[in-house]
Amino acid sequence: MFLGLRTVIYPAPDLAAAKQWWTSVLGIEPYFDEQFFVGFNPGGYELGLNPNADPANGAVSYWGVANADAAFAVLLDSGATVVEPIEEVGDGIRIGAVREPSGAIVGVIENPVFELREVPSEGPGR
């Protein structure tokens, strides 16, 4: 069911400070920069900053799936509860999140534009 990790979204109550920090650490500018979300694309993966996310929940990892509705149904049938219902967030990308029985949040993302990229061997942290 899971195709691999695709996205991690971090709570960012101070979005400007978080954006500045991640830009410095990653050595790249965000590809998407709005008041409601900032998105980076290191190596083809999504690193998102959400000013409205609850820091108490921590970062949420989104697993790539071919069909978000089908994956969500499997998770719910397996005892998970809805945290974020499946919704389209643009460009045909659909996401949702559940809380699994142990309490962790598990996200799913159906992303038709996902494409892995080669990561440069130079830059911060390398």
PDB file of N, CA and C in Angstrom:
ATOM      1  N   MET A   1       0.829  -1.197   0.000  1.00  0.00           N
ATOM      2  CA  MET A   1       0.000   0.000   0.000  1.00  0.00           C
ATOM      3  C   MET A   1       0.873   1.261   0.000  1.00  0.00           C
ATOM      4  N   PHE A   2       1.876   1.323   0.882  1.00  0.00           N
ATOM      5  CA  PHE A   2       2.738   2.506   0.925  1.00  0.00           C
ATOM      6  C   PHE A   2       3.806   2.414  -0.160  1.00  0.00           C
ATOM      7  N   LEU A   3       4.006   3.508  -0.887  1.00  0.00           N
ATOM      8  CA  LEU A   3       4.983   3.570  -1.966  1.00  0.00           C
ATOM      9  C   LEU A   3       6.327   4.126  -1.499  1.00  0.00           C
ATOM     10  N   GLY A   4       6.374   4.633  -0.295  1.00  0.00           N
ATOM     11  CA  GLY A   4       7.576   5.253   0.256  1.00  0.00           C
ATOM     12  C   GLY A   4       7.229   6.608   0.839  1.00  0.00           C
ATOM     13  N   LEU A   5       8.113   7.119   1.664  1.00  0.00           N
ATOM     14  CA  LEU A   5       7.880   8.434   2.255  1.00  0.00           C
ATOM     15  C   LEU A   5       7.914   9.503   1.175  1.00  0.00           C
ATOM     16  N   ARG A   6       7.062  10.505   1.326  1.00  0.00           N
ATOM     17  CA  ARG A   6       7.000  11.578   0.338  1.00  0.00           C
ATOM     18  C   ARG A   6       7.147  12.959   0.974  1.00  0.00           C
ATOM     19  N   THR A   7       6.506  13.144   2.118  1.00  0.00           N
ATOM     20  CA  THR A   7       6.366  14.480   2.682  1.00  0.00           C
ATOM     21  C   THR A   7       6.475  14.428   4.200  1.00  0.00           C
ATOM     22  N   VAL A   8       7.126  15.431   4.771  1.00  0.00           N
ATOM     23  CA  VAL A   8       7.102  15.644   6.217  1.00  0.00           C
ATOM     24  C   VAL A   8       6.697  17.093   6.420  1.00  0.00           C
ATOM     25  N   ILE A   9       5.685  17.291   7.259  1.00  0.00           N
ATOM     26  CA  ILE A   9       5.224  18.650   7.548  1.00  0.00           C
ATOM     27  C   ILE A   9       5.467  18.941   9.021  1.00  0.00           C
ATOM     28  N   TYR A  10       6.206  20.021   9.252  1.00  0.00           N
ATOM     29  CA  TYR A  10       6.541  20.441  10.606  1.00  0.00           C
ATOM     30  C   TYR A  10       5.640  21.597  11.039  1.00  0.00           C
ATOM     31  N   PRO A  11       5.185  21.573  12.290  1.00  0.00           N
ATOM     32  CA  PRO A  11       4.489  22.743  12.820  1.00  0.00           C
ATOM     33  C   PRO A  11       5.463  23.929  12.842  1.00  0.00           C
ATOM     34  N   ALA A  12       4.988  25.099  12.480  1.00  0.00           N
ATOM     35  CA  ALA A  12       5.847  26.284  12.425  1.00  0.00           C
ATOM     36  C   ALA A  12       5.066  27.500  12.922  1.00  0.00           C
ATOM     37  N   PRO A  13       4.853  27.584  14.248  1.00  0.00           N
ATOM     38  CA  PRO A  13       4.091  28.721  14.776  1.00  0.00           C
ATOM     39  C   PRO A  13       4.688  30.077  14.378  1.00  0.00           C
ATOM     40  N   ASP A  14       6.020  30.165  14.312  1.00  0.00           N
ATOM     41  CA  ASP A  14       6.694  31.363  13.818  1.00  0.00           C
ATOM     42  C   ASP A  14       7.206  31.015  12.418  1.00  0.00           C
ATOM     43  N   LEU A  15       6.337  31.161  11.438  1.00  0.00           N
ATOM     44  CA  LEU A  15       6.626  30.717  10.075  1.00  0.00           C
ATOM     45  C   LEU A  15       7.860  31.404   9.495  1.00  0.00           C
ATOM     46  N   ALA A  16       8.010  32.692   9.733  1.00  0.00           N
ATOM     47  CA  ALA A  16       9.160  33.421   9.176  1.00  0.00           C
ATOM     48  C   ALA A  16      10.473  32.879   9.725  1.00  0.00           C
ATOM     49  N   ALA A  17      10.528  32.652  11.025  1.00  0.00           N
ATOM     50  CA  ALA A  17      11.751  32.118  11.641  1.00  0.00           C
ATOM     51  C   ALA A  17      12.031  30.699  11.158  1.00  0.00           C
ATOM     52  N   ALA A  18      10.988  29.879  11.063  1.00  0.00           N
ATOM     53  CA  ALA A  18      11.169  28.501  10.596  1.00  0.00           C
ATOM     54  C   ALA A  18      11.645  28.483   9.147  1.00  0.00           C
ATOM     55  N   LYS A  19      11.062  29.341   8.318  1.00  0.00           N
ATOM     56  CA  LYS A  19      11.466  29.410   6.909  1.00  0.00           C
ATOM     57  C   LYS A  19      12.934  29.812   6.802  1.00  0.00           C
ATOM     58  N   GLN A  20      13.339  30.791   7.573  1.00  0.00           N
ATOM     59  CA  GLN A  20      14.732  31.242   7.543  1.00  0.00           C
ATOM     60  C   GLN A  20      15.675  30.120   7.989  1.00  0.00           C
ATOM     61  N   TRP A  21      15.309  29.424   9.054  1.00  0.00           N
ATOM     62  CA  TRP A  21      16.149  28.352   9.566  1.00  0.00           C
ATOM     63  C   TRP A  21      16.292  27.223   8.553  1.00  0.00           C
ATOM     64  N   TRP A  22      15.168  26.752   8.001  1.00  0.00           N
ATOM     65  CA  TRP A  22      15.212  25.654   7.038  1.00  0.00           C
ATOM     66  C   TRP A  22      15.922  26.059   5.748  1.00  0.00           C
ATOM     67  N   THR A  23      15.764  27.301   5.307  1.00  0.00           N
ATOM     68  CA  THR A  23      16.480  27.773   4.122  1.00  0.00           C
ATOM     69  C   THR A  23      17.978  27.685   4.354  1.00  0.00           C
ATOM     70  N   SER A  24      18.414  28.083   5.541  1.00  0.00           N
ATOM     71  CA  SER A  24      19.830  28.019   5.887  1.00  0.00           C
ATOM     72  C   SER A  24      20.328  26.581   5.968  1.00  0.00           C
ATOM     73  N   VAL A  25      19.578  25.723   6.613  1.00  0.00           N
ATOM     74  CA  VAL A  25      19.984  24.324   6.789  1.00  0.00           C
ATOM     75  C   VAL A  25      19.999  23.576   5.461  1.00  0.00           C
ATOM     76  N   LEU A  26      18.958  23.758   4.660  1.00  0.00           N
ATOM     77  CA  LEU A  26      18.845  23.021   3.407  1.00  0.00           C
ATOM     78  C   LEU A  26      19.701  23.604   2.284  1.00  0.00           C
ATOM     79  N   GLY A  27      19.983  24.899   2.382  1.00  0.00           N
ATOM     80  CA  GLY A  27      20.753  25.561   1.329  1.00  0.00           C
ATOM     81  C   GLY A  27      19.954  25.807   0.065  1.00  0.00           C
ATOM     82  N   ILE A  28      18.618  25.785   0.179  1.00  0.00           N
ATOM     83  CA  ILE A  28      17.738  26.062  -0.959  1.00  0.00           C
ATOM     84  C   ILE A  28      16.604  26.974  -0.505  1.00  0.00           C
ATOM     85  N   GLU A  29      16.048  27.680  -1.458  1.00  0.00           N
ATOM     86  CA  GLU A  29      14.884  28.513  -1.188  1.00  0.00           C
ATOM     87  C   GLU A  29      13.620  27.662  -1.288  1.00  0.00           C
ATOM     88  N   PRO A  30      12.552  28.072  -0.614  1.00  0.00           N
ATOM     89  CA  PRO A  30      11.298  27.326  -0.763  1.00  0.00           C
ATOM     90  C   PRO A  30      10.762  27.458  -2.188  1.00  0.00           C
ATOM     91  N   TYR A  31      10.109  26.416  -2.666  1.00  0.00           N
ATOM     92  CA  TYR A  31       9.472  26.465  -3.982  1.00  0.00           C
ATOM     93  C   TYR A  31       8.060  27.020  -3.857  1.00  0.00           C
ATOM     94  N   PHE A  32       7.515  26.988  -2.638  1.00  0.00           N
ATOM     95  CA  PHE A  32       6.166  27.498  -2.368  1.00  0.00           C
ATOM     96  C   PHE A  32       6.257  28.296  -1.092  1.00  0.00           C
ATOM     97  N   ASP A  33       5.780  29.534  -1.108  1.00  0.00           N
ATOM     98  CA  ASP A  33       5.957  30.418   0.041  1.00  0.00           C
ATOM     99  C   ASP A  33       4.727  31.302   0.204  1.00  0.00           C
ATOM    100  N   GLU A  34       3.830  30.863   1.055  1.00  0.00           N
ATOM    101  CA  GLU A  34       2.614  31.618   1.353  1.00  0.00           C
ATOM    102  C   GLU A  34       2.448  31.710   2.863  1.00  0.00           C
ATOM    103  N   GLN A  35       1.511  32.553   3.310  1.00  0.00           N
ATOM    104  CA  GLN A  35       1.276  32.737   4.744  1.00  0.00           C
ATOM    105  C   GLN A  35       0.738  31.473   5.408  1.00  0.00           C
ATOM    106  N   PHE A  36       0.122  30.590   4.644  1.00  0.00           N
ATOM    107  CA  PHE A  36      -0.502  29.396   5.206  1.00  0.00           C
ATOM    108  C   PHE A  36       0.358  28.143   5.064  1.00  0.00           C
ATOM    109  N   PHE A  37       1.476  28.214   4.303  1.00  0.00           N
ATOM    110  CA  PHE A  37       2.322  27.041   4.103  1.00  0.00           C
ATOM    111  C   PHE A  37       3.588  27.446   3.364  1.00  0.00           C
ATOM    112  N   VAL A  38       4.702  26.879   3.770  1.00  0.00           N
ATOM    113  CA  VAL A  38       5.967  27.047   3.050  1.00  0.00           C
ATOM    114  C   VAL A  38       6.460  25.654   2.714  1.00  0.00           C
ATOM    115  N   GLY A  39       6.824  25.446   1.445  1.00  0.00           N
ATOM    116  CA  GLY A  39       7.267  24.132   1.004  1.00  0.00           C
ATOM    117  C   GLY A  39       8.639  24.163   0.370  1.00  0.00           C
ATOM    118  N   PHE A  40       9.485  23.245   0.801  1.00  0.00           N
ATOM    119  CA  PHE A  40      10.805  23.041   0.219  1.00  0.00           C
ATOM    120  C   PHE A  40      10.780  21.713  -0.522  1.00  0.00           C
ATOM    121  N   ASN A  41      11.725  21.539  -1.441  1.00  0.00           N
ATOM    122  CA  ASN A  41      11.764  20.317  -2.221  1.00  0.00           C
ATOM    123  C   ASN A  41      13.187  19.763  -2.259  1.00  0.00           C
ATOM    124  N   PRO A  42      13.704  19.297  -1.107  1.00  0.00           N
ATOM    125  CA  PRO A  42      15.052  18.720  -1.120  1.00  0.00           C
ATOM    126  C   PRO A  42      15.023  17.307  -1.702  1.00  0.00           C
ATOM    127  N   GLY A  43      15.763  17.086  -2.768  1.00  0.00           N
ATOM    128  CA  GLY A  43      15.876  15.770  -3.376  1.00  0.00           C
ATOM    129  C   GLY A  43      14.575  15.215  -3.916  1.00  0.00           C
ATOM    130  N   GLY A  44      13.610  16.084  -4.192  1.00  0.00           N
ATOM    131  CA  GLY A  44      12.327  15.635  -4.714  1.00  0.00           C
ATOM    132  C   GLY A  44      11.300  15.348  -3.639  1.00  0.00           C
ATOM    133  N   TYR A  45      11.734  15.341  -2.379  1.00  0.00           N
ATOM    134  CA  TYR A  45      10.800  15.124  -1.275  1.00  0.00           C
ATOM    135  C   TYR A  45      10.266  16.461  -0.787  1.00  0.00           C
ATOM    136  N   GLU A  46       9.114  16.415  -0.154  1.00  0.00           N
ATOM    137  CA  GLU A  46       8.482  17.625   0.370  1.00  0.00           C
ATOM    138  C   GLU A  46       8.851  17.809   1.831  1.00  0.00           C
ATOM    139  N   LEU A  47       9.329  18.991   2.178  1.00  0.00           N
ATOM    140  CA  LEU A  47       9.496  19.395   3.563  1.00  0.00           C
ATOM    141  C   LEU A  47       8.633  20.634   3.716  1.00  0.00           C
ATOM    142  N   GLY A  48       7.544  20.496   4.470  1.00  0.00           N
ATOM    143  CA  GLY A  48       6.594  21.581   4.600  1.00  0.00           C
ATOM    144  C   GLY A  48       6.606  22.194   5.979  1.00  0.00           C
ATOM    145  N   LEU A  49       6.231  23.462   6.029  1.00  0.00           N
ATOM    146  CA  LEU A  49       6.085  24.202   7.279  1.00  0.00           C
ATOM    147  C   LEU A  49       4.660  24.711   7.346  1.00  0.00           C
ATOM    148  N   ASN A  50       3.951  24.337   8.406  1.00  0.00           N
ATOM    149  CA  ASN A  50       2.550  24.710   8.547  1.00  0.00           C
ATOM    150  C   ASN A  50       2.366  25.529   9.815  1.00  0.00           C
ATOM    151  N   PRO A  51       2.042  26.826   9.678  1.00  0.00           N
ATOM    152  CA  PRO A  51       1.879  27.663  10.867  1.00  0.00           C
ATOM    153  C   PRO A  51       0.634  27.310  11.684  1.00  0.00           C
ATOM    154  N   ASN A  52      -0.291  26.555  11.095  1.00  0.00           N
ATOM    155  CA  ASN A  52      -1.527  26.201  11.800  1.00  0.00           C
ATOM    156  C   ASN A  52      -1.491  24.810  12.427  1.00  0.00           C
ATOM    157  N   ALA A  53      -0.401  24.085  12.226  1.00  0.00           N
ATOM    158  CA  ALA A  53      -0.287  22.742  12.805  1.00  0.00           C
ATOM    159  C   ALA A  53      -0.013  22.844  14.302  1.00  0.00           C
ATOM    160  N   ASP A  54      -0.486  21.881  15.035  1.00  0.00           N
ATOM    161  CA  ASP A  54      -0.318  21.843  16.486  1.00  0.00           C
ATOM    162  C   ASP A  54       1.059  21.277  16.833  1.00  0.00           C
ATOM    163  N   PRO A  55       1.942  22.082  17.443  1.00  0.00           N
ATOM    164  CA  PRO A  55       3.268  21.582  17.814  1.00  0.00           C
ATOM    165  C   PRO A  55       3.210  20.358  18.738  1.00  0.00           C
ATOM    166  N   ALA A  56       2.138  20.203  19.497  1.00  0.00           N
ATOM    167  CA  ALA A  56       2.011  19.045  20.382  1.00  0.00           C
ATOM    168  C   ALA A  56       1.938  17.741  19.596  1.00  0.00           C
ATOM    169  N   ASN A  57       1.500  17.801  18.345  1.00  0.00           N
ATOM    170  CA  ASN A  57       1.436  16.600  17.509  1.00  0.00           C
ATOM    171  C   ASN A  57       2.765  16.275  16.847  1.00  0.00           C
ATOM    172  N   GLY A  58       3.706  17.215  16.862  1.00  0.00           N
ATOM    173  CA  GLY A  58       4.988  16.999  16.209  1.00  0.00           C
ATOM    174  C   GLY A  58       4.861  17.014  14.697  1.00  0.00           C
ATOM    175  N   ALA A  59       5.932  16.614  14.034  1.00  0.00           N
ATOM    176  CA  ALA A  59       5.934  16.533  12.576  1.00  0.00           C
ATOM    177  C   ALA A  59       5.066  15.367  12.137  1.00  0.00           C
ATOM    178  N   VAL A  60       4.450  15.501  10.973  1.00  0.00           N
ATOM    179  CA  VAL A  60       3.637  14.425  10.418  1.00  0.00           C
ATOM    180  C   VAL A  60       4.288  13.961   9.117  1.00  0.00           C
ATOM    181  N   SER A  61       4.540  12.662   9.041  1.00  0.00           N
ATOM    182  CA  SER A  61       5.091  12.052   7.825  1.00  0.00           C
ATOM    183  C   SER A  61       3.943  11.563   6.964  1.00  0.00           C
ATOM    184  N   TYR A  62       4.035  11.845   5.679  1.00  0.00           N
ATOM    185  CA  TYR A  62       3.014  11.414   4.724  1.00  0.00           C
ATOM    186  C   TYR A  62       3.616  10.361   3.800  1.00  0.00           C
ATOM    187  N   TRP A  63       3.010   9.189   3.796  1.00  0.00           N
ATOM    188  CA  TRP A  63       3.430   8.083   2.950  1.00  0.00           C
ATOM    189  C   TRP A  63       2.736   8.185   1.603  1.00  0.00           C
ATOM    190  N   GLY A  64       3.506   8.011   0.544  1.00  0.00           N
ATOM    191  CA  GLY A  64       2.938   8.013  -0.791  1.00  0.00           C
ATOM    192  C   GLY A  64       2.050   6.793  -1.008  1.00  0.00           C
ATOM    193  N   VAL A  65       0.910   7.023  -1.631  1.00  0.00           N
ATOM    194  CA  VAL A  65      -0.025   5.951  -1.969  1.00  0.00           C
ATOM    195  C   VAL A  65      -0.562   6.210  -3.374  1.00  0.00           C
ATOM    196  N   ALA A  66      -0.983   5.140  -4.036  1.00  0.00           N
ATOM    197  CA  ALA A  66      -1.552   5.280  -5.377  1.00  0.00           C
ATOM    198  C   ALA A  66      -2.972   5.833  -5.321  1.00  0.00           C
ATOM    199  N   ASN A  67      -3.700   5.506  -4.256  1.00  0.00           N
ATOM    200  CA  ASN A  67      -5.092   5.926  -4.120  1.00  0.00           C
ATOM    201  C   ASN A  67      -5.346   6.293  -2.658  1.00  0.00           C
ATOM    202  N   ALA A  68      -5.483   7.585  -2.387  1.00  0.00           N
ATOM    203  CA  ALA A  68      -5.634   8.056  -1.004  1.00  0.00           C
ATOM    204  C   ALA A  68      -6.893   7.508  -0.352  1.00  0.00           C
ATOM    205  N   ASP A  69      -7.992   7.442  -1.094  1.00  0.00           N
ATOM    206  CA  ASP A  69      -9.241   6.941  -0.507  1.00  0.00           C
ATOM    207  C   ASP A  69      -9.117   5.480  -0.093  1.00  0.00           C
ATOM    208  N   ALA A  70      -8.522   4.665  -0.953  1.00  0.00           N
ATOM    209  CA  ALA A  70      -8.365   3.238  -0.653  1.00  0.00           C
ATOM    210  C   ALA A  70      -7.425   3.036   0.534  1.00  0.00           C
ATOM    211  N   ALA A  71      -6.310   3.773   0.565  1.00  0.00           N
ATOM    212  CA  ALA A  71      -5.362   3.654   1.676  1.00  0.00           C
ATOM    213  C   ALA A  71      -6.014   4.092   2.988  1.00  0.00           C
ATOM    214  N   PHE A  72      -6.770   5.180   2.930  1.00  0.00           N
ATOM    215  CA  PHE A  72      -7.456   5.685   4.125  1.00  0.00           C
ATOM    216  C   PHE A  72      -8.428   4.627   4.650  1.00  0.00           C
ATOM    217  N   ALA A  73      -9.152   3.987   3.749  1.00  0.00           N
ATOM    218  CA  ALA A  73     -10.108   2.954   4.147  1.00  0.00           C
ATOM    219  C   ALA A  73      -9.402   1.803   4.858  1.00  0.00           C
ATOM    220  N   VAL A  74      -8.249   1.381   4.331  1.00  0.00           N
ATOM    221  CA  VAL A  74      -7.488   0.298   4.973  1.00  0.00           C
ATOM    222  C   VAL A  74      -7.053   0.722   6.376  1.00  0.00           C
ATOM    223  N   LEU A  75      -6.550   1.925   6.502  1.00  0.00           N
ATOM    224  CA  LEU A  75      -6.098   2.410   7.808  1.00  0.00           C
ATOM    225  C   LEU A  75      -7.254   2.487   8.804  1.00  0.00           C
ATOM    226  N   LEU A  76      -8.385   3.010   8.368  1.00  0.00           N
ATOM    227  CA  LEU A  76      -9.545   3.115   9.258  1.00  0.00           C
ATOM    228  C   LEU A  76     -10.092   1.738   9.620  1.00  0.00           C
ATOM    229  N   ASP A  77     -10.144   0.842   8.653  1.00  0.00           N
ATOM    230  CA  ASP A  77     -10.602  -0.523   8.917  1.00  0.00           C
ATOM    231  C   ASP A  77      -9.668  -1.256   9.876  1.00  0.00           C
ATOM    232  N   SER A  78      -8.419  -0.794   9.963  1.00  0.00           N
ATOM    233  CA  SER A  78      -7.429  -1.427  10.834  1.00  0.00           C
ATOM    234  C   SER A  78      -7.383  -0.790  12.219  1.00  0.00           C
ATOM    235  N   GLY A  79      -8.333   0.109  12.511  1.00  0.00           N
ATOM    236  CA  GLY A  79      -8.431   0.670  13.854  1.00  0.00           C
ATOM    237  C   GLY A  79      -7.941   2.092  14.018  1.00  0.00           C
ATOM    238  N   ALA A  80      -7.514   2.733  12.950  1.00  0.00           N
ATOM    239  CA  ALA A  80      -7.086   4.127  13.039  1.00  0.00           C
ATOM    240  C   ALA A  80      -8.309   5.040  13.093  1.00  0.00           C
ATOM    241  N   THR A  81      -8.093   6.271  13.568  1.00  0.00           N
ATOM    242  CA  THR A  81      -9.160   7.280  13.602  1.00  0.00           C
ATOM    243  C   THR A  81      -8.718   8.497  12.792  1.00  0.00           C
ATOM    244  N   VAL A  82      -9.670   9.199  12.244  1.00  0.00           N
ATOM    245  CA  VAL A  82      -9.388  10.343  11.364  1.00  0.00           C
ATOM    246  C   VAL A  82      -8.823  11.516  12.156  1.00  0.00           C
ATOM    247  N   VAL A  83      -7.714  12.059  11.664  1.00  0.00           N
ATOM    248  CA  VAL A  83      -7.147  13.311  12.169  1.00  0.00           C
ATOM    249  C   VAL A  83      -7.414  14.414  11.153  1.00  0.00           C
ATOM    250  N   GLU A  84      -7.114  14.135   9.890  1.00  0.00           N
ATOM    251  CA  GLU A  84      -7.370  15.047   8.769  1.00  0.00           C
ATOM    252  C   GLU A  84      -8.026  14.227   7.666  1.00  0.00           C
ATOM    253  N   PRO A  85      -9.270  14.512   7.315  1.00  0.00           N
ATOM    254  CA  PRO A  85      -9.887  13.741   6.226  1.00  0.00           C
ATOM    255  C   PRO A  85      -9.148  13.997   4.905  1.00  0.00           C
ATOM    256  N   ILE A  86      -9.296  13.091   3.968  1.00  0.00           N
ATOM    257  CA  ILE A  86      -8.671  13.259   2.651  1.00  0.00           C
ATOM    258  C   ILE A  86      -9.194  14.545   2.018  1.00  0.00           C
ATOM    259  N   GLU A  87      -8.262  15.362   1.525  1.00  0.00           N
ATOM    260  CA  GLU A  87      -8.637  16.588   0.821  1.00  0.00           C
ATOM    261  C   GLU A  87      -7.622  16.884  -0.264  1.00  0.00           C
ATOM    262  N   GLU A  88      -8.079  17.546  -1.310  1.00  0.00           N
ATOM    263  CA  GLU A  88      -7.193  17.993  -2.376  1.00  0.00           C
ATOM    264  C   GLU A  88      -6.546  19.290  -1.929  1.00  0.00           C
ATOM    265  N   VAL A  89      -5.214  19.385  -2.127  1.00  0.00           N
ATOM    266  CA  VAL A  89      -4.485  20.584  -1.723  1.00  0.00           C
ATOM    267  C   VAL A  89      -3.872  21.320  -2.917  1.00  0.00           C
ATOM    268  N   GLY A  90      -4.230  20.904  -4.131  1.00  0.00           N
ATOM    269  CA  GLY A  90      -3.747  21.554  -5.348  1.00  0.00           C
ATOM    270  C   GLY A  90      -2.958  20.597  -6.220  1.00  0.00           C
ATOM    271  N   ASP A  91      -2.971  20.836  -7.524  1.00  0.00           N
ATOM    272  CA  ASP A  91      -2.226  20.043  -8.509  1.00  0.00           C
ATOM    273  C   ASP A  91      -2.577  18.556  -8.470  1.00  0.00           C
ATOM    274  N   GLY A  92      -3.785  18.221  -8.052  1.00  0.00           N
ATOM    275  CA  GLY A  92      -4.201  16.826  -7.984  1.00  0.00           C
ATOM    276  C   GLY A  92      -3.643  16.075  -6.789  1.00  0.00           C
ATOM    277  N   ILE A  93      -2.984  16.791  -5.893  1.00  0.00           N
ATOM    278  CA  ILE A  93      -2.402  16.182  -4.695  1.00  0.00           C
ATOM    279  C   ILE A  93      -3.482  16.069  -3.623  1.00  0.00           C
ATOM    280  N   ARG A  94      -3.621  14.859  -3.069  1.00  0.00           N
ATOM    281  CA  ARG A  94      -4.637  14.591  -2.050  1.00  0.00           C
ATOM    282  C   ARG A  94      -3.956  14.027  -0.818  1.00  0.00           C
ATOM    283  N   ILE A  95      -4.279  14.610   0.341  1.00  0.00           N
ATOM    284  CA  ILE A  95      -3.660  14.169   1.593  1.00  0.00           C
ATOM    285  C   ILE A  95      -4.718  13.919   2.662  1.00  0.00           C
ATOM    286  N   GLY A  96      -4.322  13.168   3.657  1.00  0.00           N
ATOM    287  CA  GLY A  96      -5.145  12.925   4.829  1.00  0.00           C
ATOM    288  C   GLY A  96      -4.269  12.301   5.899  1.00  0.00           C
ATOM    289  N   ALA A  97      -4.755  12.281   7.126  1.00  0.00           N
ATOM    290  CA  ALA A  97      -3.971  11.712   8.226  1.00  0.00           C
ATOM    291  C   ALA A  97      -4.892  11.021   9.217  1.00  0.00           C
ATOM    292  N   VAL A  98      -4.347   9.980   9.822  1.00  0.00           N
ATOM    293  CA  VAL A  98      -5.059   9.216  10.836  1.00  0.00           C
ATOM    294  C   VAL A  98      -4.193   9.115  12.085  1.00  0.00           C
ATOM    295  N   ARG A  99      -4.827   8.766  13.181  1.00  0.00           N
ATOM    296  CA  ARG A  99      -4.100   8.420  14.402  1.00  0.00           C
ATOM    297  C   ARG A  99      -4.202   6.906  14.533  1.00  0.00           C
ATOM    298  N   GLU A 100      -3.045   6.237  14.515  1.00  0.00           N
ATOM    299  CA  GLU A 100      -3.046   4.785  14.623  1.00  0.00           C
ATOM    300  C   GLU A 100      -3.280   4.391  16.085  1.00  0.00           C
ATOM    301  N   PRO A 101      -3.627   3.131  16.361  1.00  0.00           N
ATOM    302  CA  PRO A 101      -4.023   2.730  17.705  1.00  0.00           C
ATOM    303  C   PRO A 101      -3.025   3.064  18.822  1.00  0.00           C
ATOM    304  N   SER A 102      -1.732   3.165  18.509  1.00  0.00           N
ATOM    305  CA  SER A 102      -0.746   3.522  19.538  1.00  0.00           C
ATOM    306  C   SER A 102      -0.676   5.020  19.791  1.00  0.00           C
ATOM    307  N   GLY A 103      -1.350   5.816  18.952  1.00  0.00           N
ATOM    308  CA  GLY A 103      -1.399   7.261  19.158  1.00  0.00           C
ATOM    309  C   GLY A 103      -0.616   8.094  18.166  1.00  0.00           C
ATOM    310  N   ALA A 104       0.215   7.477  17.336  1.00  0.00           N
ATOM    311  CA  ALA A 104       0.998   8.242  16.369  1.00  0.00           C
ATOM    312  C   ALA A 104       0.130   8.669  15.190  1.00  0.00           C
ATOM    313  N   ILE A 105       0.480   9.803  14.604  1.00  0.00           N
ATOM    314  CA  ILE A 105      -0.228  10.288  13.422  1.00  0.00           C
ATOM    315  C   ILE A 105       0.491   9.767  12.184  1.00  0.00           C
ATOM    316  N   VAL A 106      -0.288   9.201  11.254  1.00  0.00           N
ATOM    317  CA  VAL A 106       0.222   8.659  10.001  1.00  0.00           C
ATOM    318  C   VAL A 106      -0.505   9.370   8.868  1.00  0.00           C
ATOM    319  N   GLY A 107       0.260   9.992   7.980  1.00  0.00           N
ATOM    320  CA  GLY A 107      -0.341  10.671   6.844  1.00  0.00           C
ATOM    321  C   GLY A 107      -0.199   9.858   5.577  1.00  0.00           C
ATOM    322  N   VAL A 108      -1.138  10.073   4.645  1.00  0.00           N
ATOM    323  CA  VAL A 108      -1.047   9.497   3.305  1.00  0.00           C
ATOM    324  C   VAL A 108      -1.149  10.631   2.297  1.00  0.00           C
ATOM    325  N   ILE A 109      -0.437  10.466   1.187  1.00  0.00           N
ATOM    326  CA  ILE A 109      -0.460  11.472   0.135  1.00  0.00           C
ATOM    327  C   ILE A 109      -0.484  10.785  -1.218  1.00  0.00           C
ATOM    328  N   GLU A 110      -1.460  11.168  -2.012  1.00  0.00           N
ATOM    329  CA  GLU A 110      -1.566  10.742  -3.412  1.00  0.00           C
ATOM    330  C   GLU A 110      -1.052  11.931  -4.220  1.00  0.00           C
ATOM    331  N   ASN A 111       0.133  11.775  -4.805  1.00  0.00           N
ATOM    332  CA  ASN A 111       0.788  12.907  -5.441  1.00  0.00           C
ATOM    333  C   ASN A 111       1.201  12.549  -6.866  1.00  0.00           C
ATOM    334  N   PRO A 112       0.389  12.930  -7.848  1.00  0.00           N
ATOM    335  CA  PRO A 112       0.706  12.586  -9.238  1.00  0.00           C
ATOM    336  C   PRO A 112       1.912  13.327  -9.803  1.00  0.00           C
ATOM    337  N   VAL A 113       2.408  14.351  -9.105  1.00  0.00           N
ATOM    338  CA  VAL A 113       3.554  15.106  -9.615  1.00  0.00           C
ATOM    339  C   VAL A 113       4.853  14.772  -8.885  1.00  0.00           C
ATOM    340  N   PHE A 114       4.813  13.778  -7.981  1.00  0.00           N
ATOM    341  CA  PHE A 114       6.012  13.406  -7.229  1.00  0.00           C
ATOM    342  C   PHE A 114       7.077  12.854  -8.158  1.00  0.00           C
ATOM    343  N   GLU A 115       8.297  13.355  -7.989  1.00  0.00           N
ATOM    344  CA  GLU A 115       9.423  12.896  -8.796  1.00  0.00           C
ATOM    345  C   GLU A 115      10.689  13.013  -7.965  1.00  0.00           C
ATOM    346  N   LEU A 116      11.379  11.893  -7.746  1.00  0.00           N
ATOM    347  CA  LEU A 116      12.649  11.930  -7.022  1.00  0.00           C
ATOM    348  C   LEU A 116      13.692  12.648  -7.854  1.00  0.00           C
ATOM    349  N   ARG A 117      14.574  13.356  -7.168  1.00  0.00           N
ATOM    350  CA  ARG A 117      15.663  14.043  -7.846  1.00  0.00           C
ATOM    351  C   ARG A 117      16.977  13.637  -7.208  1.00  0.00           C
ATOM    352  N   GLU A 118      18.042  13.740  -7.964  1.00  0.00           N
ATOM    353  CA  GLU A 118      19.358  13.467  -7.407  1.00  0.00           C
ATOM    354  C   GLU A 118      19.722  14.605  -6.467  1.00  0.00           C
ATOM    355  N   VAL A 119      20.247  14.249  -5.311  1.00  0.00           N
ATOM    356  CA  VAL A 119      20.629  15.249  -4.322  1.00  0.00           C
ATOM    357  C   VAL A 119      22.065  15.673  -4.575  1.00  0.00           C
ATOM    358  N   PRO A 120      22.318  16.996  -4.654  1.00  0.00           N
ATOM    359  CA  PRO A 120      23.694  17.467  -4.866  1.00  0.00           C
ATOM    360  C   PRO A 120      24.615  17.014  -3.737  1.00  0.00           C
ATOM    361  N   SER A 121      25.881  16.792  -4.042  1.00  0.00           N
ATOM    362  CA  SER A 121      26.821  16.346  -3.020  1.00  0.00           C
ATOM    363  C   SER A 121      27.502  17.508  -2.328  1.00  0.00           C
ATOM    364  N   GLU A 122      27.134  18.726  -2.658  1.00  0.00           N
ATOM    365  CA  GLU A 122      27.718  19.906  -2.032  1.00  0.00           C
ATOM    366  C   GLU A 122      26.619  20.699  -1.350  1.00  0.00           C
ATOM    367  N   GLY A 123      27.009  21.540  -0.415  1.00  0.00           N
ATOM    368  CA  GLY A 123      26.054  22.397   0.255  1.00  0.00           C
ATOM    369  C   GLY A 123      26.033  22.138   1.748  1.00  0.00           C
ATOM    370  N   PRO A 124      25.159  22.824   2.472  1.00  0.00           N
ATOM    371  CA  PRO A 124      25.100  22.672   3.918  1.00  0.00           C
ATOM    372  C   PRO A 124      24.851  21.216   4.309  1.00  0.00           C
ATOM    373  N   GLY A 125      25.552  20.784   5.329  1.00  0.00           N
ATOM    374  CA  GLY A 125      25.348  19.452   5.858  1.00  0.00           C
ATOM    375  C   GLY A 125      26.001  18.338   5.039  1.00  0.00           C
ATOM    376  N   ARG A 126      26.796  18.682   4.062  1.00  0.00           N
ATOM    377  CA  ARG A 126      27.424  17.657   3.208  1.00  0.00           C
ATOM    378  C   ARG A 126      28.922  17.718   3.324  1.00  0.00           C
TER     379      ARG A 126
END
